[in-house]
Amino acid sequence: MISVKKRREIKAFLVTASIGIVVLGGQQVLADAASEMVNPKDKVLVGYWHNWKSTGKDGYKGGSSADFNLSSTQEGYNVINVSFMKTPEG
């Protein structure tokens, strides 16, 4: 079990490291592909993507999930969650 003192030290380290990254790293550290945010005033269409082949009955209501490249996502989806992904090594 982690002692209360150790927890405080960990929290202090994480806060200090976060501040250091923001101050010293600037926007280069924080900028990424998610920097362009969805306009919440318009409609939001969210999709969930994975990159493994269907084994059947693994989709919604026991259906089969689609197998396609992320770059082939249909137009209209402005948020794509990539929650689970397998690497080429497995």
C-alpha atoms as a PDB file:
ATOM      1  CA  MET A   1       0.000   0.000   0.000  1.00  0.00           C
ATOM      2  CA  ILE A   2       1.234   3.500  -0.791  1.00  0.00           C
ATOM      3  CA  SER A   3       1.618   5.754   2.222  1.00  0.00           C
ATOM      4  CA  VAL A   4      -0.106   9.122   2.466  1.00  0.00           C
ATOM      5  CA  LYS A   5       3.272  10.866   2.331  1.00  0.00           C
ATOM      6  CA  LYS A   6       4.224   8.992  -0.841  1.00  0.00           C
ATOM      7  CA  ARG A   7       0.871   9.884  -2.454  1.00  0.00           C
ATOM      8  CA  ARG A   8       1.472  13.567  -1.722  1.00  0.00           C
ATOM      9  CA  GLU A   9       4.947  13.334  -3.240  1.00  0.00           C
ATOM     10  CA  ILE A  10       3.540  11.681  -6.363  1.00  0.00           C
ATOM     11  CA  LYS A  11       0.793  14.313  -6.701  1.00  0.00           C
ATOM     12  CA  ALA A  12       3.323  17.126  -6.244  1.00  0.00           C
ATOM     13  CA  PHE A  13       5.582  15.591  -8.880  1.00  0.00           C
ATOM     14  CA  LEU A  14       2.742  15.200 -11.391  1.00  0.00           C
ATOM     15  CA  VAL A  15       1.562  18.778 -10.888  1.00  0.00           C
ATOM     16  CA  THR A  16       5.111  20.124 -11.200  1.00  0.00           C
ATOM     17  CA  ALA A  17       5.803  18.034 -14.302  1.00  0.00           C
ATOM     18  CA  SER A  18       2.546  19.158 -15.933  1.00  0.00           C
ATOM     19  CA  ILE A  19       3.291  22.819 -15.292  1.00  0.00           C
ATOM     20  CA  GLY A  20       6.834  22.347 -16.592  1.00  0.00           C
ATOM     21  CA  ILE A  21       5.608  20.756 -19.801  1.00  0.00           C
ATOM     22  CA  VAL A  22       3.133  23.564 -20.428  1.00  0.00           C
ATOM     23  CA  VAL A  23       5.576  26.378 -19.588  1.00  0.00           C
ATOM     24  CA  LEU A  24       8.728  24.958 -21.153  1.00  0.00           C
ATOM     25  CA  GLY A  25       7.195  22.939 -23.960  1.00  0.00           C
ATOM     26  CA  GLY A  26       4.807  25.543 -25.222  1.00  0.00           C
ATOM     27  CA  GLN A  27       2.183  24.720 -27.812  1.00  0.00           C
ATOM     28  CA  GLN A  28       4.453  22.258 -29.634  1.00  0.00           C
ATOM     29  CA  VAL A  29       3.994  19.716 -26.853  1.00  0.00           C
ATOM     30  CA  LEU A  30       0.259  20.267 -26.592  1.00  0.00           C
ATOM     31  CA  ALA A  31      -0.518  20.488 -30.322  1.00  0.00           C
ATOM     32  CA  ASP A  32      -1.587  17.294 -32.032  1.00  0.00           C
ATOM     33  CA  ALA A  33      -4.195  15.994 -34.458  1.00  0.00           C
ATOM     34  CA  ALA A  34      -6.917  16.640 -31.873  1.00  0.00           C
ATOM     35  CA  SER A  35      -6.127  20.367 -31.756  1.00  0.00           C
ATOM     36  CA  GLU A  36      -8.892  20.956 -34.290  1.00  0.00           C
ATOM     37  CA  MET A  37     -11.980  20.524 -32.170  1.00  0.00           C
ATOM     38  CA  VAL A  38     -15.559  19.784 -33.169  1.00  0.00           C
ATOM     39  CA  ASN A  39     -17.984  22.707 -33.153  1.00  0.00           C
ATOM     40  CA  PRO A  40     -20.409  21.729 -30.367  1.00  0.00           C
ATOM     41  CA  LYS A  41     -23.022  24.180 -31.710  1.00  0.00           C
ATOM     42  CA  ASP A  42     -23.566  21.981 -34.761  1.00  0.00           C
ATOM     43  CA  LYS A  43     -24.583  18.336 -34.822  1.00  0.00           C
ATOM     44  CA  VAL A  44     -21.956  15.829 -33.745  1.00  0.00           C
ATOM     45  CA  LEU A  45     -21.849  12.354 -35.295  1.00  0.00           C
ATOM     46  CA  VAL A  46     -19.611  10.039 -33.282  1.00  0.00           C
ATOM     47  CA  GLY A  47     -18.209   6.775 -34.608  1.00  0.00           C
ATOM     48  CA  TYR A  48     -16.199   4.023 -32.940  1.00  0.00           C
ATOM     49  CA  TRP A  49     -13.458   2.288 -34.936  1.00  0.00           C
ATOM     50  CA  HIS A  50     -11.346  -0.815 -34.417  1.00  0.00           C
ATOM     51  CA  ASN A  51      -8.915  -2.605 -36.684  1.00  0.00           C
ATOM     52  CA  TRP A  52      -9.503  -6.293 -36.214  1.00  0.00           C
ATOM     53  CA  LYS A  53     -11.529  -8.618 -38.412  1.00  0.00           C
ATOM     54  CA  SER A  54     -14.994  -9.644 -37.296  1.00  0.00           C
ATOM     55  CA  THR A  55     -15.443 -13.147 -35.960  1.00  0.00           C
ATOM     56  CA  GLY A  56     -19.200 -12.886 -36.418  1.00  0.00           C
ATOM     57  CA  LYS A  57     -21.816 -11.970 -33.836  1.00  0.00           C
ATOM     58  CA  ASP A  58     -19.456  -9.387 -32.307  1.00  0.00           C
ATOM     59  CA  GLY A  59     -21.341  -6.299 -33.482  1.00  0.00           C
ATOM     60  CA  TYR A  60     -24.448  -4.505 -32.299  1.00  0.00           C
ATOM     61  CA  LYS A  61     -27.226  -6.932 -31.264  1.00  0.00           C
ATOM     62  CA  GLY A  62     -25.111  -9.924 -32.283  1.00  0.00           C
ATOM     63  CA  GLY A  63     -24.458  -8.668 -35.791  1.00  0.00           C
ATOM     64  CA  SER A  64     -21.108  -8.518 -37.534  1.00  0.00           C
ATOM     65  CA  SER A  65     -18.856  -5.488 -37.152  1.00  0.00           C
ATOM     66  CA  ALA A  66     -17.481  -3.811 -40.270  1.00  0.00           C
ATOM     67  CA  ASP A  67     -13.843  -4.214 -41.294  1.00  0.00           C
ATOM     68  CA  PHE A  68     -12.409  -1.116 -43.005  1.00  0.00           C
ATOM     69  CA  ASN A  69      -9.476   1.305 -42.849  1.00  0.00           C
ATOM     70  CA  LEU A  70      -9.819   4.380 -40.666  1.00  0.00           C
ATOM     71  CA  SER A  71      -9.131   6.545 -43.736  1.00  0.00           C
ATOM     72  CA  SER A  72     -12.265   5.051 -45.356  1.00  0.00           C
ATOM     73  CA  THR A  73     -14.617   6.465 -42.723  1.00  0.00           C
ATOM     74  CA  GLN A  74     -17.819   7.828 -44.241  1.00  0.00           C
ATOM     75  CA  GLU A  75     -18.143  11.588 -44.564  1.00  0.00           C
ATOM     76  CA  GLY A  76     -20.286  13.147 -41.898  1.00  0.00           C
ATOM     77  CA  TYR A  77     -18.536  11.593 -38.924  1.00  0.00           C
ATOM     78  CA  ASN A  78     -16.751  14.460 -37.206  1.00  0.00           C
ATOM     79  CA  VAL A  79     -15.642  12.499 -34.128  1.00  0.00           C
ATOM     80  CA  ILE A  80     -14.039   9.060 -34.410  1.00  0.00           C
ATOM     81  CA  ASN A  81     -13.104   7.297 -31.182  1.00  0.00           C
ATOM     82  CA  VAL A  82     -10.219   4.867 -31.545  1.00  0.00           C
ATOM     83  CA  SER A  83     -10.513   3.142 -28.222  1.00  0.00           C
ATOM     84  CA  PHE A  84      -8.988  -0.204 -29.101  1.00  0.00           C
ATOM     85  CA  MET A  85      -6.417  -0.949 -31.756  1.00  0.00           C
ATOM     86  CA  LYS A  86      -4.130  -3.864 -32.551  1.00  0.00           C
ATOM     87  CA  THR A  87      -0.623  -3.305 -33.857  1.00  0.00           C
ATOM     88  CA  PRO A  88       0.722  -5.330 -36.818  1.00  0.00           C
ATOM     89  CA  GLU A  89       2.605  -7.441 -34.269  1.00  0.00           C
ATOM     90  CA  GLY A  90      -0.666  -8.345 -32.562  1.00  0.00           C
END
